[in-house]
Amino acid sequence: MILSELTWEELAGLSEEHLIVVFPVGSTEQHGLHAPLGTDTIIAGYLANAVKKHPHVLVSPVLPIGISDVHKEFPGSLWITPETMKCFVGDILRSLSSHGIHTCIFVNGHGGNRNTLYELCRDTTCNHGVRCFVFNWFESIGDTHDTLFHPGVLLHASEVETSMLSVIDPSCIRYGKIEESSDGASQVWQKKYNGTIISQQVRDFSASGATGDPKNWDGGKGQLILDRAVAALLDLVDFVVEGSF
């Protein structure tokens, strides 16, 4: 079920027991020259909507802006502070709780959101009676992307995300820009000196804003990654419903 498509009466008629809000969280930030600013949001929304038919799932509207200040030098990148995210999303969780919905799984599409979501989940679970879990698709599938592409493959606007986008919405990719994006991509994340991070600003280590080698995208591999992520999310939903932890 999708929350925004229900009426209040329909929602009130649902059994609150074991009802889980699946909350997609993405970002609006540069993804190289070939992929849209909303890449992370597109992926998170796709995964959340893929489980909407589960009898215990209620899909919330997506949060399209995240912790993305490391991309601030690229036009169009938007960001909020961790404090703002925790306050805003925390209020949403408390409003859901007031309607008897006390469990949430965040479907996170952006690595920069992880720590903030972890802190939010700890606070709401410990202090506000709302159980929260963070599902990072890129961690849920183990070493699938390493196996399909190569060990240590990067994710941001790389061959991995490009492959996934080619399945979800192939029209959003600027195919004529993939090679240029790849030529200016970084093979590392963060700029370091003797193991010490000296810059986390993406502009300092990636000319195009991309990482990896997006010209090696593969739709078949993208489909496999998406399928495994959806399966992992469904498995987590069932695990949370069972409550055997």
Foldseek 3Di string as FASTA:
>chain_A
DEVVVDDPVVVLPDDQALAEEEEEEFAQADQFPWFHSQLLVLLSVVLLVVCCPPSRYYYYDYHRHEADCLRVVDPGGDHDDLVVVLVVVVVVQVVVVVSNHQEYEYEGRDPSHPVSQVVSQVCCVVPPRHHYHYQDLVPLLPCLVCVVPNPPADDRSALQSLLLCCQSPVVRTPVVCLQVRQVQAAADQADDDPPHGPGRRQVVGGVRSHHYRNVPHDNVSSVVSSVSSSVSVVVVSVCVSVVPD
